[in-house]
Amino acid sequence: MQTIDHIDAVQRMQDYIESNLSSPITLYDLSRSAGYSPFHCARIFKETTGKAPFEYIRALRLSHAALQLRDEKKKVLDVALDFVFDSHEGFTRAFSKEFGITPYKYKKAPLPIYLFMPYSARDRYLYYLREGASVEKNAVNNTVFVQVIERPERKLILKRGINAKDYFEYCEEVGCDIWGLLCSIKEAMYEPVGMWLPDAFRPPGTSLYAQGVEVPIDYSGVVPEGFDIITLPTCKMMVFQGPPYEDEHFDAAIRDLSETIKLYNPELYGFRWAEDDAPRLQLEPQGYRGYIEARPVRQISTQ
């Protein structure tokens, strides 16, 4: 049975792995970071993350290596050595097994691939307890930053569900690995988003909530199997950014900003809601920057 002490220990191991990804990592290193025996660390790590420690480390190294190959002008061997692979051949075998393409071919033509982007142990714990959890509100700073931005005409690569109305239902229905694939799309204009789709952008029998990434209007790259690509028109988006929060308080941060938006009157600032113009967007919750949500608006004519 997992306890909060086990969750904290696994989180410490995850943090250690992230900080030392380019260096050799032993089970003894993880044991020292967690404060438990090596055998106990290996057991609780797999119970919590679904992967054995070295399976997890290898998948994370390969995903970071893929991003280097995609974004940096580095030789395959240099990337292999950066992530503690002993040889070009060993790295190529591992990369090909993980992603179904050799690192050399991926470097030449980066296709969308399923990057390994693990949940933190604490976030996973809160996810499974969310229905009954009592989350303390972070009320240090209640300031909400609001701005209006212009989105050009663009395309959206998205993975639809069937009945999902929010993030949690979407993960239950579609899975939680979609984000890794979206992050691998090199041509992305912005970071991946969760979204609530207007009826005009939803074929019958598809979900209100989906996840996707915006790409240029002239995008002609690969659309992953099972994904759709649609055109989004030029629009204005009103972006709401809440105050920074401790990661364990993400539920409260989302709830508080959602309540703020419900009470917000954009007409006081010359805009009106335009829910049919574009999807409502939800950026990945990250405590250091606050929860961010964007909703489509239209400027009110003064004539």
Protein backbone atom coordinates (compact mmCIF):
# COMPACT_ATOMS: atom_id res chain seq x y z
CA MET A 1 0.00 0.00 0.00
CA GLN A 2 1.34 3.42 -0.93
CA THR A 3 1.66 6.12 1.70
CA ILE A 4 2.37 9.82 1.39
CA ASP A 5 5.94 9.03 2.56
CA HIS A 6 6.32 6.65 -0.38
CA ILE A 7 4.97 9.26 -2.78
CA ASP A 8 7.46 11.82 -1.46
CA ALA A 9 10.30 9.30 -1.77
CA VAL A 10 9.41 8.55 -5.40
CA GLN A 11 9.18 12.28 -6.10
CA ARG A 12 12.69 12.72 -4.71
CA MET A 13 13.91 9.94 -7.02
CA GLN A 14 12.22 11.56 -10.01
CA ASP A 15 13.79 14.90 -9.14
CA TYR A 16 17.21 13.25 -8.81
CA ILE A 17 16.83 11.54 -12.20
CA GLU A 18 15.81 14.80 -13.90
CA SER A 19 18.79 16.64 -12.42
CA ASN A 20 21.31 13.93 -13.35
CA LEU A 21 20.00 12.68 -16.68
CA SER A 22 23.37 13.23 -18.39
CA SER A 23 25.33 11.36 -15.74
CA PRO A 24 25.42 7.70 -14.68
CA ILE A 25 22.67 6.90 -12.17
CA THR A 26 22.75 3.83 -9.95
CA LEU A 27 20.05 2.32 -7.78
CA TYR A 28 22.23 3.25 -4.82
CA ASP A 29 22.07 6.92 -5.94
CA LEU A 30 18.29 6.72 -6.03
CA SER A 31 18.27 4.98 -2.66
CA ARG A 32 20.26 7.80 -1.08
CA SER A 33 17.98 10.45 -2.59
CA ALA A 34 14.84 8.65 -1.37
CA GLY A 35 16.05 7.56 2.05
CA TYR A 36 15.06 3.89 1.65
CA SER A 37 16.86 0.66 0.79
CA PRO A 38 17.61 -0.02 -2.90
CA PHE A 39 15.17 -2.94 -2.98
CA HIS A 40 12.37 -0.89 -1.40
CA CYS A 41 13.07 2.06 -3.74
CA ALA A 42 12.83 -0.13 -6.83
CA ARG A 43 9.51 -1.57 -5.62
CA ILE A 44 7.75 1.66 -4.72
CA PHE A 45 9.09 3.42 -7.83
CA LYS A 46 7.52 0.86 -10.15
CA GLU A 47 4.28 0.79 -8.13
CA THR A 48 3.99 4.55 -8.48
CA THR A 49 5.26 5.27 -12.01
CA GLY A 50 4.46 1.99 -13.76
CA LYS A 51 8.10 1.61 -14.83
CA ALA A 52 11.15 0.11 -13.17
CA PRO A 53 13.74 2.82 -12.35
CA PHE A 54 16.12 2.02 -15.21
CA GLU A 55 13.29 1.53 -17.70
CA TYR A 56 12.05 5.00 -16.67
CA ILE A 57 15.54 6.53 -16.92
CA ARG A 58 16.14 5.06 -20.38
CA ALA A 59 12.78 6.24 -21.74
CA LEU A 60 13.36 9.75 -20.35
CA ARG A 61 16.90 9.92 -21.76
CA LEU A 62 15.70 8.79 -25.18
CA SER A 63 12.96 11.44 -25.20
CA HIS A 64 15.40 14.20 -24.26
CA ALA A 65 17.81 12.87 -26.90
CA ALA A 66 15.03 13.01 -29.50
CA LEU A 67 14.44 16.69 -28.73
CA GLN A 68 18.17 17.40 -29.13
CA LEU A 69 18.22 15.62 -32.48
CA ARG A 70 15.16 17.57 -33.55
CA ASP A 71 16.28 21.02 -32.43
CA GLU A 72 20.09 21.07 -32.35
CA LYS A 73 22.76 20.50 -34.99
CA LYS A 74 24.52 17.70 -33.16
CA LYS A 75 25.88 14.40 -34.37
CA VAL A 76 23.98 11.28 -33.40
CA LEU A 77 27.04 9.94 -31.56
CA ASP A 78 27.43 13.15 -29.55
CA VAL A 79 23.77 12.99 -28.48
CA ALA A 80 24.22 9.34 -27.55
CA LEU A 81 27.20 10.17 -25.34
CA ASP A 82 25.35 13.13 -23.80
CA PHE A 83 22.76 10.71 -22.46
CA VAL A 84 25.15 8.02 -21.20
CA PHE A 85 24.85 5.55 -24.08
CA ASP A 86 28.17 3.75 -24.61
CA SER A 87 28.03 3.50 -28.37
CA HIS A 88 26.31 4.69 -31.53
CA GLU A 89 25.00 1.16 -32.11
CA GLY A 90 23.51 0.78 -28.63
CA PHE A 91 21.83 4.18 -28.86
CA THR A 92 20.44 3.41 -32.32
CA ARG A 93 18.98 0.09 -31.13
CA ALA A 94 17.38 1.67 -28.07
CA PHE A 95 16.03 4.68 -30.00
CA SER A 96 14.61 2.51 -32.78
CA LYS A 97 12.92 0.21 -30.26
CA GLU A 98 11.41 3.17 -28.38
CA PHE A 99 10.20 5.25 -31.34
CA GLY A 100 10.15 2.95 -34.38
CA ILE A 101 12.67 5.05 -36.33
CA THR A 102 16.45 5.30 -36.26
CA PRO A 103 17.95 8.44 -34.69
CA TYR A 104 19.68 9.30 -37.99
CA LYS A 105 16.40 9.17 -39.95
CA TYR A 106 14.61 11.11 -37.20
CA LYS A 107 17.30 13.81 -37.23
CA LYS A 108 16.91 14.20 -41.01
CA ALA A 109 13.08 14.27 -40.97
CA PRO A 110 11.55 14.61 -37.47
CA LEU A 111 8.17 12.89 -37.47
CA PRO A 112 5.71 13.14 -34.56
CA ILE A 113 6.68 10.50 -32.00
CA TYR A 114 5.40 9.59 -28.56
CA LEU A 115 7.88 11.22 -26.21
CA PHE A 116 7.96 9.92 -22.64
CA MET A 117 6.73 12.78 -20.44
CA PRO A 118 6.12 11.31 -17.00
CA TYR A 119 3.78 12.66 -14.37
CA SER A 120 5.37 13.60 -11.09
CA ALA A 121 4.54 11.23 -8.26
CA ARG A 122 2.76 14.00 -6.34
CA ASP A 123 0.64 15.04 -9.35
CA ARG A 124 -0.35 11.43 -10.00
CA TYR A 125 -1.28 11.00 -6.35
CA LEU A 126 -3.47 14.11 -6.42
CA TYR A 127 -5.07 12.98 -9.68
CA TYR A 128 -6.30 9.74 -8.15
CA LEU A 129 -7.46 11.44 -4.95
CA ARG A 130 -9.05 14.50 -6.57
CA GLU A 131 -12.65 13.52 -5.89
CA GLY A 132 -12.19 13.24 -2.16
CA ALA A 133 -9.14 15.37 -1.59
CA SER A 134 -9.17 18.47 0.53
CA VAL A 135 -6.84 20.94 -1.12
CA GLU A 136 -5.80 24.01 0.79
CA LYS A 137 -6.24 27.21 -1.17
CA ASN A 138 -3.14 29.25 -1.89
CA ALA A 139 -4.24 32.76 -1.13
CA VAL A 140 -0.86 34.49 -1.06
CA ASN A 141 -1.57 36.46 -4.20
CA ASN A 142 -4.95 36.64 -5.92
CA THR A 143 -3.90 38.92 -8.77
CA VAL A 144 -5.05 37.78 -12.22
CA PHE A 145 -3.24 39.13 -15.29
CA VAL A 146 -5.47 39.65 -18.38
CA GLN A 147 -4.40 40.47 -21.92
CA VAL A 148 -5.84 40.19 -25.43
CA ILE A 149 -3.74 38.56 -28.14
CA GLU A 150 -4.26 38.05 -31.88
CA ARG A 151 -4.11 34.52 -33.27
CA PRO A 152 -3.45 34.26 -37.04
CA GLU A 153 -5.16 31.79 -39.32
CA ARG A 154 -3.56 28.46 -38.55
CA LYS A 155 -4.10 24.74 -38.43
CA LEU A 156 -4.76 22.60 -35.40
CA ILE A 157 -3.60 19.01 -35.02
CA LEU A 158 -5.81 17.40 -32.39
CA LYS A 159 -6.79 14.10 -30.88
CA ARG A 160 -10.52 13.86 -30.20
CA GLY A 161 -12.32 11.76 -27.66
CA ILE A 162 -15.92 10.63 -27.72
CA ASN A 163 -17.63 11.85 -24.54
CA ALA A 164 -14.93 13.70 -22.58
CA LYS A 165 -15.95 17.07 -21.16
CA ASP A 166 -12.73 17.89 -19.27
CA TYR A 167 -9.10 16.87 -18.82
CA PHE A 168 -9.74 14.06 -16.37
CA GLU A 169 -12.45 12.44 -18.46
CA TYR A 170 -10.22 12.81 -21.52
CA CYS A 171 -7.33 10.98 -19.83
CA GLU A 172 -9.65 8.19 -18.78
CA GLU A 173 -11.02 7.90 -22.31
CA VAL A 174 -8.03 8.62 -24.57
CA GLY A 175 -5.01 8.18 -22.29
CA CYS A 176 -2.34 10.49 -20.93
CA ASP A 177 0.40 9.93 -23.52
CA ILE A 178 -0.99 12.29 -26.16
CA TRP A 179 0.92 15.24 -24.70
CA GLY A 180 4.28 13.64 -25.44
CA LEU A 181 3.44 13.25 -29.11
CA LEU A 182 2.14 16.83 -29.38
CA CYS A 183 5.37 18.13 -27.83
CA SER A 184 7.39 16.30 -30.50
CA ILE A 185 5.86 18.24 -33.42
CA LYS A 186 8.68 20.53 -34.48
CA GLU A 187 6.53 22.96 -36.48
CA ALA A 188 4.33 23.83 -33.49
CA MET A 189 3.65 27.56 -33.23
CA TYR A 190 2.91 27.44 -29.50
CA GLU A 191 2.92 24.89 -26.71
CA PRO A 192 0.31 22.08 -26.73
CA VAL A 193 -3.06 22.87 -25.18
CA GLY A 194 -6.16 21.27 -23.81
CA MET A 195 -9.30 22.77 -25.34
CA TRP A 196 -13.07 22.93 -25.26
CA LEU A 197 -14.35 22.83 -28.84
CA PRO A 198 -17.32 24.86 -30.15
CA ASP A 199 -20.00 22.86 -31.95
CA ALA A 200 -18.76 24.09 -35.34
CA PHE A 201 -15.42 22.35 -34.75
CA ARG A 202 -16.92 19.08 -33.47
CA PRO A 203 -18.11 16.33 -35.80
CA PRO A 204 -21.07 14.36 -34.38
CA GLY A 205 -20.04 11.75 -31.85
CA THR A 206 -16.84 13.49 -30.74
CA SER A 207 -15.87 15.02 -27.41
CA LEU A 208 -16.21 18.56 -26.15
CA TYR A 209 -12.69 18.39 -24.69
CA ALA A 210 -9.61 17.49 -26.74
CA GLN A 211 -5.87 18.08 -26.82
CA GLY A 212 -3.85 19.48 -29.69
CA VAL A 213 -1.19 21.83 -30.99
CA GLU A 214 -1.39 24.74 -33.43
CA VAL A 215 0.82 24.69 -36.55
CA PRO A 216 1.24 27.16 -39.45
CA ILE A 217 -1.53 27.40 -42.03
CA ASP A 218 0.82 25.98 -44.69
CA TYR A 219 1.72 22.92 -42.59
CA SER A 220 2.21 19.92 -44.83
CA GLY A 221 3.89 17.54 -42.41
CA VAL A 222 2.69 14.27 -41.00
CA VAL A 223 -0.62 14.08 -39.17
CA PRO A 224 -0.30 11.23 -36.66
CA GLU A 225 -2.61 8.29 -37.08
CA GLY A 226 -5.88 8.81 -35.22
CA PHE A 227 -5.48 12.59 -35.16
CA ASP A 228 -7.40 15.24 -37.11
CA ILE A 229 -6.14 18.48 -38.63
CA ILE A 230 -8.49 21.44 -38.98
CA THR A 231 -8.18 25.12 -39.89
CA LEU A 232 -8.71 27.78 -37.25
CA PRO A 233 -9.57 31.31 -38.44
CA THR A 234 -7.93 34.52 -37.30
CA CYS A 235 -9.32 35.47 -33.91
CA LYS A 236 -8.67 37.40 -30.75
CA MET A 237 -8.11 35.54 -27.49
CA MET A 238 -8.47 36.98 -24.00
CA VAL A 239 -5.78 35.32 -21.88
CA PHE A 240 -6.19 34.96 -18.10
CA GLN A 241 -3.13 34.13 -16.01
CA GLY A 242 -3.54 33.40 -12.33
CA PRO A 243 -0.89 33.88 -9.65
CA PRO A 244 1.91 31.35 -9.12
CA TYR A 245 0.97 28.46 -6.83
CA GLU A 246 2.48 25.43 -5.16
CA ASP A 247 2.16 22.44 -7.50
CA GLU A 248 0.07 20.45 -5.02
CA HIS A 249 -2.54 23.24 -5.16
CA PHE A 250 -3.19 23.02 -8.90
CA ASP A 251 -6.84 22.01 -8.40
CA ALA A 252 -7.49 25.14 -6.37
CA ALA A 253 -5.61 27.32 -8.88
CA ILE A 254 -7.74 26.05 -11.76
CA ARG A 255 -10.95 26.40 -9.78
CA ASP A 256 -10.15 29.93 -8.61
CA LEU A 257 -9.29 31.21 -12.08
CA SER A 258 -12.37 29.57 -13.59
CA GLU A 259 -14.55 31.34 -11.03
CA THR A 260 -12.80 34.64 -11.81
CA ILE A 261 -13.49 34.22 -15.53
CA LYS A 262 -17.18 33.45 -14.89
CA LEU A 263 -17.55 36.79 -13.11
CA TYR A 264 -15.45 38.76 -15.59
CA ASN A 265 -17.26 41.19 -17.88
CA PRO A 266 -15.17 41.76 -21.04
CA GLU A 267 -17.57 44.45 -22.26
CA LEU A 268 -16.11 46.82 -19.68
CA TYR A 269 -12.94 46.72 -21.79
CA GLY A 270 -14.51 46.82 -25.25
CA PHE A 271 -14.87 43.09 -25.98
CA ARG A 272 -17.51 40.40 -25.88
CA TRP A 273 -17.20 36.64 -25.58
CA ALA A 274 -17.09 34.87 -28.96
CA GLU A 275 -17.31 31.20 -27.97
CA ASP A 276 -18.11 30.06 -31.52
CA ASP A 277 -15.01 31.63 -33.09
CA ALA A 278 -12.38 29.27 -31.72
CA PRO A 279 -11.73 26.68 -29.02
CA ARG A 280 -11.29 27.78 -25.42
CA LEU A 281 -7.71 26.90 -24.46
CA GLN A 282 -6.14 25.52 -21.32
CA LEU A 283 -2.35 25.59 -21.01
CA GLU A 284 -0.51 22.97 -19.01
CA PRO A 285 -0.77 23.91 -15.32
CA GLN A 286 2.68 24.89 -14.07
CA GLY A 287 2.88 26.40 -10.63
CA TYR A 288 5.76 28.80 -11.29
CA ARG A 289 3.75 30.76 -13.88
CA GLY A 290 0.18 30.31 -12.60
CA TYR A 291 -2.73 28.62 -14.32
CA ILE A 292 -3.47 30.06 -17.79
CA GLU A 293 -6.68 29.89 -19.80
CA ALA A 294 -7.63 31.71 -23.02
CA ARG A 295 -11.10 32.42 -24.42
CA PRO A 296 -12.06 33.85 -27.82
CA VAL A 297 -13.44 37.41 -27.90
CA ARG A 298 -14.52 39.99 -30.46
CA GLN A 299 -13.94 43.72 -30.19
CA ILE A 300 -17.15 45.68 -29.79
CA SER A 301 -17.67 48.15 -32.60
CA THR A 302 -17.70 51.79 -31.44
CA GLN A 303 -19.63 53.02 -34.49
